[in-house]
Amino acid sequence: MKVCVITGASSGIGYATAKLFSERGYRVYGISRRSELRADVRNYEEIKGAVERVVEKEGGLDILVVNAGIARVGYVEEFDISDWLEVLNTNLNGAFYTVKAALPHIREGGHIVFVGSIASKRAFPGWAAYCASKWGLLGFAKSLGEELKGKIKVSTVLPGAVDTPLWEGIGGDRSRMLKAEDVAKVILNIVESDGWIREVEILPKGGII
């Protein structure tokens, strides 16, 4: 049975992915600030400790879904430095910390899947911090994929707007957005493909909103 670790697993895409993988027969461990396996991805020692607890029990990892992320919205002129740092530390530094902690324990033939965003490639006014973090995440994923080529697959999913708690306090017509389950299905398909699917965009039916 393959072992899967998912960050940001207490809600949204992470929760939907953990549920789907568990139903599919994977041994799933969800890491978040609110789950039983608790860690803050902004803290390397915390995420390292959480990964090591899984490894102590399972002997290693097969799949890592790097999903934890937040958004803060505002035009740069008025944007708080603390918000900028929180977004970058969670979405980009947190991804690096997670991979750094898990990589020594991922078995050959394993898979790392990053949950990026359409904002990894397109800019939106008021979303400078989020776009910067997600563009950086895609660059990190591509470089990592080259480093691990032939040993561990590295993929990135780039969803458009998804109806998750990320939008609370931001607004937006959530009825027109993708569902977290839609993204979870794509992640499962990527992991179960014999080929190396490096990058996938998934948008709401009406396009980017």
C-alpha atoms as a PDB file:
ATOM      1  CA  MET A   1       0.000   0.000   0.000  1.00  0.00           C
ATOM      2  CA  LYS A   2       1.439   3.348  -1.054  1.00  0.00           C
ATOM      3  CA  VAL A   3       1.965   6.059   1.565  1.00  0.00           C
ATOM      4  CA  CYS A   4       0.740   9.568   0.748  1.00  0.00           C
ATOM      5  CA  VAL A   5       1.411  12.773   2.706  1.00  0.00           C
ATOM      6  CA  ILE A   6      -0.700  15.861   1.997  1.00  0.00           C
ATOM      7  CA  THR A   7      -0.154  19.332   3.449  1.00  0.00           C
ATOM      8  CA  GLY A   8      -3.024  21.722   4.065  1.00  0.00           C
ATOM      9  CA  ALA A   9      -5.242  18.668   4.462  1.00  0.00           C
ATOM     10  CA  SER A  10      -7.818  19.988   6.916  1.00  0.00           C
ATOM     11  CA  SER A  11      -9.985  21.751   4.313  1.00  0.00           C
ATOM     12  CA  GLY A  12     -10.425  22.565   0.634  1.00  0.00           C
ATOM     13  CA  ILE A  13      -8.308  20.822  -1.987  1.00  0.00           C
ATOM     14  CA  GLY A  14      -6.136  19.093   0.600  1.00  0.00           C
ATOM     15  CA  TYR A  15      -9.103  17.578   2.414  1.00  0.00           C
ATOM     16  CA  ALA A  16     -10.775  16.465  -0.826  1.00  0.00           C
ATOM     17  CA  THR A  17      -7.525  14.901  -2.033  1.00  0.00           C
ATOM     18  CA  ALA A  18      -6.939  13.083   1.245  1.00  0.00           C
ATOM     19  CA  LYS A  19     -10.478  11.708   1.150  1.00  0.00           C
ATOM     20  CA  LEU A  20     -10.218  10.545  -2.457  1.00  0.00           C
ATOM     21  CA  PHE A  21      -6.807   8.918  -2.021  1.00  0.00           C
ATOM     22  CA  SER A  22      -7.988   7.158   1.118  1.00  0.00           C
ATOM     23  CA  GLU A  23     -11.030   5.808  -0.722  1.00  0.00           C
ATOM     24  CA  ARG A  24      -8.687   4.615  -3.469  1.00  0.00           C
ATOM     25  CA  GLY A  25      -6.735   2.535  -0.960  1.00  0.00           C
ATOM     26  CA  TYR A  26      -3.714   4.708  -0.249  1.00  0.00           C
ATOM     27  CA  ARG A  27      -2.418   5.115   3.289  1.00  0.00           C
ATOM     28  CA  VAL A  28      -2.951   8.851   3.737  1.00  0.00           C
ATOM     29  CA  TYR A  29      -1.461  11.247   6.268  1.00  0.00           C
ATOM     30  CA  GLY A  30      -2.772  14.801   6.316  1.00  0.00           C
ATOM     31  CA  ILE A  31      -0.644  17.571   7.776  1.00  0.00           C
ATOM     32  CA  SER A  32      -2.021  20.981   8.734  1.00  0.00           C
ATOM     33  CA  ARG A  33      -2.231  23.392  11.635  1.00  0.00           C
ATOM     34  CA  ARG A  34      -5.593  21.868  12.594  1.00  0.00           C
ATOM     35  CA  SER A  35      -5.221  18.144  11.863  1.00  0.00           C
ATOM     36  CA  GLU A  36      -4.114  15.357  14.174  1.00  0.00           C
ATOM     37  CA  LEU A  37      -0.695  15.387  12.491  1.00  0.00           C
ATOM     38  CA  ARG A  38      -0.152  19.049  13.295  1.00  0.00           C
ATOM     39  CA  ALA A  39       2.519  21.267  11.766  1.00  0.00           C
ATOM     40  CA  ASP A  40       2.860  24.755  10.327  1.00  0.00           C
ATOM     41  CA  VAL A  41       4.613  24.595   6.941  1.00  0.00           C
ATOM     42  CA  ARG A  42       6.197  27.987   7.666  1.00  0.00           C
ATOM     43  CA  ASN A  43       8.270  26.274  10.359  1.00  0.00           C
ATOM     44  CA  TYR A  44      10.830  23.837   8.972  1.00  0.00           C
ATOM     45  CA  GLU A  45      11.355  21.987  12.237  1.00  0.00           C
ATOM     46  CA  GLU A  46       7.616  21.424  12.651  1.00  0.00           C
ATOM     47  CA  ILE A  47       7.089  20.033   9.160  1.00  0.00           C
ATOM     48  CA  LYS A  48      10.246  17.936   9.462  1.00  0.00           C
ATOM     49  CA  GLY A  49       8.979  16.481  12.720  1.00  0.00           C
ATOM     50  CA  ALA A  50       5.584  15.639  11.210  1.00  0.00           C
ATOM     51  CA  VAL A  51       7.189  13.889   8.243  1.00  0.00           C
ATOM     52  CA  GLU A  52       9.505  11.940  10.517  1.00  0.00           C
ATOM     53  CA  ARG A  53       6.543  10.692  12.547  1.00  0.00           C
ATOM     54  CA  VAL A  54       5.037   9.268   9.374  1.00  0.00           C
ATOM     55  CA  VAL A  55       8.331   7.707   8.339  1.00  0.00           C
ATOM     56  CA  GLU A  56       8.793   6.101  11.762  1.00  0.00           C
ATOM     57  CA  LYS A  57       5.472   4.344  11.254  1.00  0.00           C
ATOM     58  CA  GLU A  58       5.613   3.593   7.512  1.00  0.00           C
ATOM     59  CA  GLY A  59       9.308   3.376   6.693  1.00  0.00           C
ATOM     60  CA  GLY A  60       9.078   5.889   3.855  1.00  0.00           C
ATOM     61  CA  LEU A  61       6.819   7.876   1.539  1.00  0.00           C
ATOM     62  CA  ASP A  62       5.575   7.327  -2.001  1.00  0.00           C
ATOM     63  CA  ILE A  63       3.498  10.421  -2.727  1.00  0.00           C
ATOM     64  CA  LEU A  64       3.798  13.991  -1.456  1.00  0.00           C
ATOM     65  CA  VAL A  65       1.068  16.513  -2.268  1.00  0.00           C
ATOM     66  CA  VAL A  66       2.324  20.027  -1.520  1.00  0.00           C
ATOM     67  CA  ASN A  67      -0.935  21.888  -1.125  1.00  0.00           C
ATOM     68  CA  ALA A  68      -0.852  24.262   1.861  1.00  0.00           C
ATOM     69  CA  GLY A  69      -1.512  27.828   0.782  1.00  0.00           C
ATOM     70  CA  ILE A  70      -3.163  31.128   1.652  1.00  0.00           C
ATOM     71  CA  ALA A  71      -4.153  34.342  -0.121  1.00  0.00           C
ATOM     72  CA  ARG A  72      -4.057  37.979   0.906  1.00  0.00           C
ATOM     73  CA  VAL A  73      -5.479  40.497  -1.538  1.00  0.00           C
ATOM     74  CA  GLY A  74      -4.713  44.189  -1.951  1.00  0.00           C
ATOM     75  CA  TYR A  75      -2.976  46.658  -4.192  1.00  0.00           C
ATOM     76  CA  VAL A  76       0.767  46.930  -3.617  1.00  0.00           C
ATOM     77  CA  GLU A  77       0.675  50.561  -2.503  1.00  0.00           C
ATOM     78  CA  GLU A  78      -1.512  49.695   0.493  1.00  0.00           C
ATOM     79  CA  PHE A  79      -0.361  46.104   1.023  1.00  0.00           C
ATOM     80  CA  ASP A  80       1.004  45.291   4.495  1.00  0.00           C
ATOM     81  CA  ILE A  81       4.519  43.906   4.641  1.00  0.00           C
ATOM     82  CA  SER A  82       3.350  41.363   7.207  1.00  0.00           C
ATOM     83  CA  ASP A  83       0.751  40.037   4.746  1.00  0.00           C
ATOM     84  CA  TRP A  84       3.339  39.827   1.986  1.00  0.00           C
ATOM     85  CA  LEU A  85       5.665  37.799   4.196  1.00  0.00           C
ATOM     86  CA  GLU A  86       2.861  35.525   5.374  1.00  0.00           C
ATOM     87  CA  VAL A  87       1.870  34.650   1.794  1.00  0.00           C
ATOM     88  CA  LEU A  88       5.442  34.045   0.633  1.00  0.00           C
ATOM     89  CA  ASN A  89       6.379  32.110   3.765  1.00  0.00           C
ATOM     90  CA  THR A  90       3.355  29.828   3.452  1.00  0.00           C
ATOM     91  CA  ASN A  91       3.028  29.308  -0.290  1.00  0.00           C
ATOM     92  CA  LEU A  92       6.669  29.295  -1.366  1.00  0.00           C
ATOM     93  CA  ASN A  93       8.986  28.842   1.604  1.00  0.00           C
ATOM     94  CA  GLY A  94       6.537  26.354   3.086  1.00  0.00           C
ATOM     95  CA  ALA A  95       6.671  24.298  -0.111  1.00  0.00           C
ATOM     96  CA  PHE A  96      10.466  24.268  -0.003  1.00  0.00           C
ATOM     97  CA  TYR A  97      10.487  23.283   3.677  1.00  0.00           C
ATOM     98  CA  THR A  98       8.003  20.477   2.998  1.00  0.00           C
ATOM     99  CA  VAL A  99      10.030  19.053   0.119  1.00  0.00           C
ATOM    100  CA  LYS A 100      13.302  19.477   1.994  1.00  0.00           C
ATOM    101  CA  ALA A 101      11.875  17.509   4.930  1.00  0.00           C
ATOM    102  CA  ALA A 102      10.244  14.770   2.867  1.00  0.00           C
ATOM    103  CA  LEU A 103      12.651  14.224  -0.010  1.00  0.00           C
ATOM    104  CA  PRO A 104      15.145  11.959   1.806  1.00  0.00           C
ATOM    105  CA  HIS A 105      12.259   9.610   2.610  1.00  0.00           C
ATOM    106  CA  ILE A 106      10.472   9.461  -0.765  1.00  0.00           C
ATOM    107  CA  ARG A 107      11.087   6.082  -2.330  1.00  0.00           C
ATOM    108  CA  GLU A 108      12.392   5.802  -5.890  1.00  0.00           C
ATOM    109  CA  GLY A 109       9.459   5.762  -8.274  1.00  0.00           C
ATOM    110  CA  GLY A 110       7.560   8.149  -6.003  1.00  0.00           C
ATOM    111  CA  HIS A 111       5.733  11.307  -6.953  1.00  0.00           C
ATOM    112  CA  ILE A 112       5.612  14.921  -5.745  1.00  0.00           C
ATOM    113  CA  VAL A 113       2.556  16.949  -6.785  1.00  0.00           C
ATOM    114  CA  PHE A 114       2.431  20.702  -6.221  1.00  0.00           C
ATOM    115  CA  VAL A 115      -0.884  22.521  -6.107  1.00  0.00           C
ATOM    116  CA  GLY A 116      -0.152  25.753  -7.891  1.00  0.00           C
ATOM    117  CA  SER A 117      -2.697  28.038  -9.526  1.00  0.00           C
ATOM    118  CA  ILE A 118      -3.558  29.645 -12.822  1.00  0.00           C
ATOM    119  CA  ALA A 119      -1.931  32.575 -10.996  1.00  0.00           C
ATOM    120  CA  SER A 120       1.341  30.675 -11.451  1.00  0.00           C
ATOM    121  CA  LYS A 121       1.246  31.929 -15.053  1.00  0.00           C
ATOM    122  CA  ARG A 122      -1.138  34.881 -15.180  1.00  0.00           C
ATOM    123  CA  ALA A 123      -1.161  38.160 -13.282  1.00  0.00           C
ATOM    124  CA  PHE A 124      -4.214  39.646 -11.553  1.00  0.00           C
ATOM    125  CA  PRO A 125      -4.468  43.146 -10.031  1.00  0.00           C
ATOM    126  CA  GLY A 126      -4.556  43.028  -6.257  1.00  0.00           C
ATOM    127  CA  TRP A 127      -3.038  39.550  -6.178  1.00  0.00           C
ATOM    128  CA  ALA A 128       0.652  40.475  -6.407  1.00  0.00           C
ATOM    129  CA  ALA A 129       1.731  38.503  -3.332  1.00  0.00           C
ATOM    130  CA  TYR A 130      -0.239  35.432  -4.331  1.00  0.00           C
ATOM    131  CA  CYS A 131       0.951  35.559  -7.958  1.00  0.00           C
ATOM    132  CA  ALA A 132       4.562  36.034  -6.866  1.00  0.00           C
ATOM    133  CA  SER A 133       4.346  33.027  -4.565  1.00  0.00           C
ATOM    134  CA  LYS A 134       2.674  30.814  -7.181  1.00  0.00           C
ATOM    135  CA  TRP A 135       4.993  31.852 -10.036  1.00  0.00           C
ATOM    136  CA  GLY A 136       7.871  31.016  -7.715  1.00  0.00           C
ATOM    137  CA  LEU A 137       6.273  27.693  -6.828  1.00  0.00           C
ATOM    138  CA  LEU A 138       6.032  26.685 -10.479  1.00  0.00           C
ATOM    139  CA  GLY A 139       9.676  27.586 -11.050  1.00  0.00           C
ATOM    140  CA  PHE A 140      10.673  25.563  -8.000  1.00  0.00           C
ATOM    141  CA  ALA A 141       8.650  22.573  -9.202  1.00  0.00           C
ATOM    142  CA  LYS A 142      10.166  22.674 -12.690  1.00  0.00           C
ATOM    143  CA  SER A 143      13.712  22.866 -11.345  1.00  0.00           C
ATOM    144  CA  LEU A 144      13.046  20.067  -8.864  1.00  0.00           C
ATOM    145  CA  GLY A 145      11.632  17.919 -11.640  1.00  0.00           C
ATOM    146  CA  GLU A 146      14.875  18.278 -13.584  1.00  0.00           C
ATOM    147  CA  GLU A 147      16.927  17.375 -10.523  1.00  0.00           C
ATOM    148  CA  LEU A 148      14.899  14.235  -9.803  1.00  0.00           C
ATOM    149  CA  LYS A 149      14.295  13.130 -13.396  1.00  0.00           C
ATOM    150  CA  GLY A 150      14.264   9.354 -13.745  1.00  0.00           C
ATOM    151  CA  LYS A 151      13.889   8.789 -10.003  1.00  0.00           C
ATOM    152  CA  ILE A 152      10.871  10.730  -8.673  1.00  0.00           C
ATOM    153  CA  LYS A 153       8.175  12.386 -10.783  1.00  0.00           C
ATOM    154  CA  VAL A 154       7.340  16.026 -10.091  1.00  0.00           C
ATOM    155  CA  SER A 155       4.044  17.493 -11.301  1.00  0.00           C
ATOM    156  CA  THR A 156       2.136  20.730 -10.835  1.00  0.00           C
ATOM    157  CA  VAL A 157      -1.631  21.241 -10.976  1.00  0.00           C
ATOM    158  CA  LEU A 158      -2.724  24.760 -11.935  1.00  0.00           C
ATOM    159  CA  PRO A 159      -6.401  25.262 -11.060  1.00  0.00           C
ATOM    160  CA  GLY A 160      -8.468  28.327 -11.774  1.00  0.00           C
ATOM    161  CA  ALA A 161     -10.753  29.606  -9.032  1.00  0.00           C
ATOM    162  CA  VAL A 162     -11.763  26.796  -6.652  1.00  0.00           C
ATOM    163  CA  ASP A 163     -14.566  27.030  -4.090  1.00  0.00           C
ATOM    164  CA  THR A 164     -12.534  26.674  -0.891  1.00  0.00           C
ATOM    165  CA  PRO A 165     -12.138  28.596   2.389  1.00  0.00           C
ATOM    166  CA  LEU A 166      -9.346  30.609   0.719  1.00  0.00           C
ATOM    167  CA  TRP A 167     -12.073  32.908  -0.661  1.00  0.00           C
ATOM    168  CA  GLU A 168     -13.586  33.749   2.728  1.00  0.00           C
ATOM    169  CA  GLY A 169     -13.298  37.491   3.215  1.00  0.00           C
ATOM    170  CA  ILE A 170     -12.210  38.015  -0.395  1.00  0.00           C
ATOM    171  CA  GLY A 171     -15.486  37.612  -2.260  1.00  0.00           C
ATOM    172  CA  GLY A 172     -16.163  36.197  -5.696  1.00  0.00           C
ATOM    173  CA  ASP A 173     -19.003  34.128  -7.139  1.00  0.00           C
ATOM    174  CA  ARG A 174     -18.164  30.769  -5.608  1.00  0.00           C
ATOM    175  CA  SER A 175     -21.063  29.064  -7.378  1.00  0.00           C
ATOM    176  CA  ARG A 176     -19.158  29.424 -10.673  1.00  0.00           C
ATOM    177  CA  MET A 177     -15.885  28.039  -9.336  1.00  0.00           C
ATOM    178  CA  LEU A 178     -14.389  24.584  -9.551  1.00  0.00           C
ATOM    179  CA  LYS A 179     -15.031  22.252  -6.651  1.00  0.00           C
ATOM    180  CA  ALA A 180     -12.166  20.926  -4.563  1.00  0.00           C
ATOM    181  CA  GLU A 181     -13.162  17.421  -5.640  1.00  0.00           C
ATOM    182  CA  ASP A 182     -12.513  18.358  -9.288  1.00  0.00           C
ATOM    183  CA  VAL A 183      -8.899  19.155  -8.474  1.00  0.00           C
ATOM    184  CA  ALA A 184      -8.515  16.062  -6.291  1.00  0.00           C
ATOM    185  CA  LYS A 185      -9.536  13.855  -9.239  1.00  0.00           C
ATOM    186  CA  VAL A 186      -6.891  15.474 -11.439  1.00  0.00           C
ATOM    187  CA  ILE A 187      -4.220  14.898  -8.782  1.00  0.00           C
ATOM    188  CA  LEU A 188      -5.207  11.225  -8.525  1.00  0.00           C
ATOM    189  CA  ASN A 189      -5.098  10.826 -12.309  1.00  0.00           C
ATOM    190  CA  ILE A 190      -1.633  12.378 -12.428  1.00  0.00           C
ATOM    191  CA  VAL A 191      -0.303  10.063  -9.741  1.00  0.00           C
ATOM    192  CA  GLU A 192      -1.821   6.946 -11.294  1.00  0.00           C
ATOM    193  CA  SER A 193      -0.635   7.703 -14.825  1.00  0.00           C
ATOM    194  CA  ASP A 194       2.216   5.583 -16.161  1.00  0.00           C
ATOM    195  CA  GLY A 195       3.619   8.636 -17.893  1.00  0.00           C
ATOM    196  CA  TRP A 196       5.110  11.766 -16.383  1.00  0.00           C
ATOM    197  CA  ILE A 197       2.452  14.475 -16.490  1.00  0.00           C
ATOM    198  CA  ARG A 198       4.469  17.537 -15.633  1.00  0.00           C
ATOM    199  CA  GLU A 199       1.814  20.250 -15.641  1.00  0.00           C
ATOM    200  CA  VAL A 200      -1.979  20.446 -15.895  1.00  0.00           C
ATOM    201  CA  GLU A 201      -4.320  23.449 -16.030  1.00  0.00           C
ATOM    202  CA  ILE A 202      -7.901  22.951 -14.878  1.00  0.00           C
ATOM    203  CA  LEU A 203     -10.414  25.822 -15.193  1.00  0.00           C
ATOM    204  CA  PRO A 204     -14.067  26.353 -14.354  1.00  0.00           C
ATOM    205  CA  LYS A 205     -16.419  25.734 -17.282  1.00  0.00           C
ATOM    206  CA  GLY A 206     -16.790  29.452 -17.822  1.00  0.00           C
ATOM    207  CA  GLY A 207     -13.041  30.008 -17.820  1.00  0.00           C
ATOM    208  CA  ILE A 208     -11.026  32.051 -15.349  1.00  0.00           C
ATOM    209  CA  ILE A 209     -13.234  34.107 -13.033  1.00  0.00           C
END
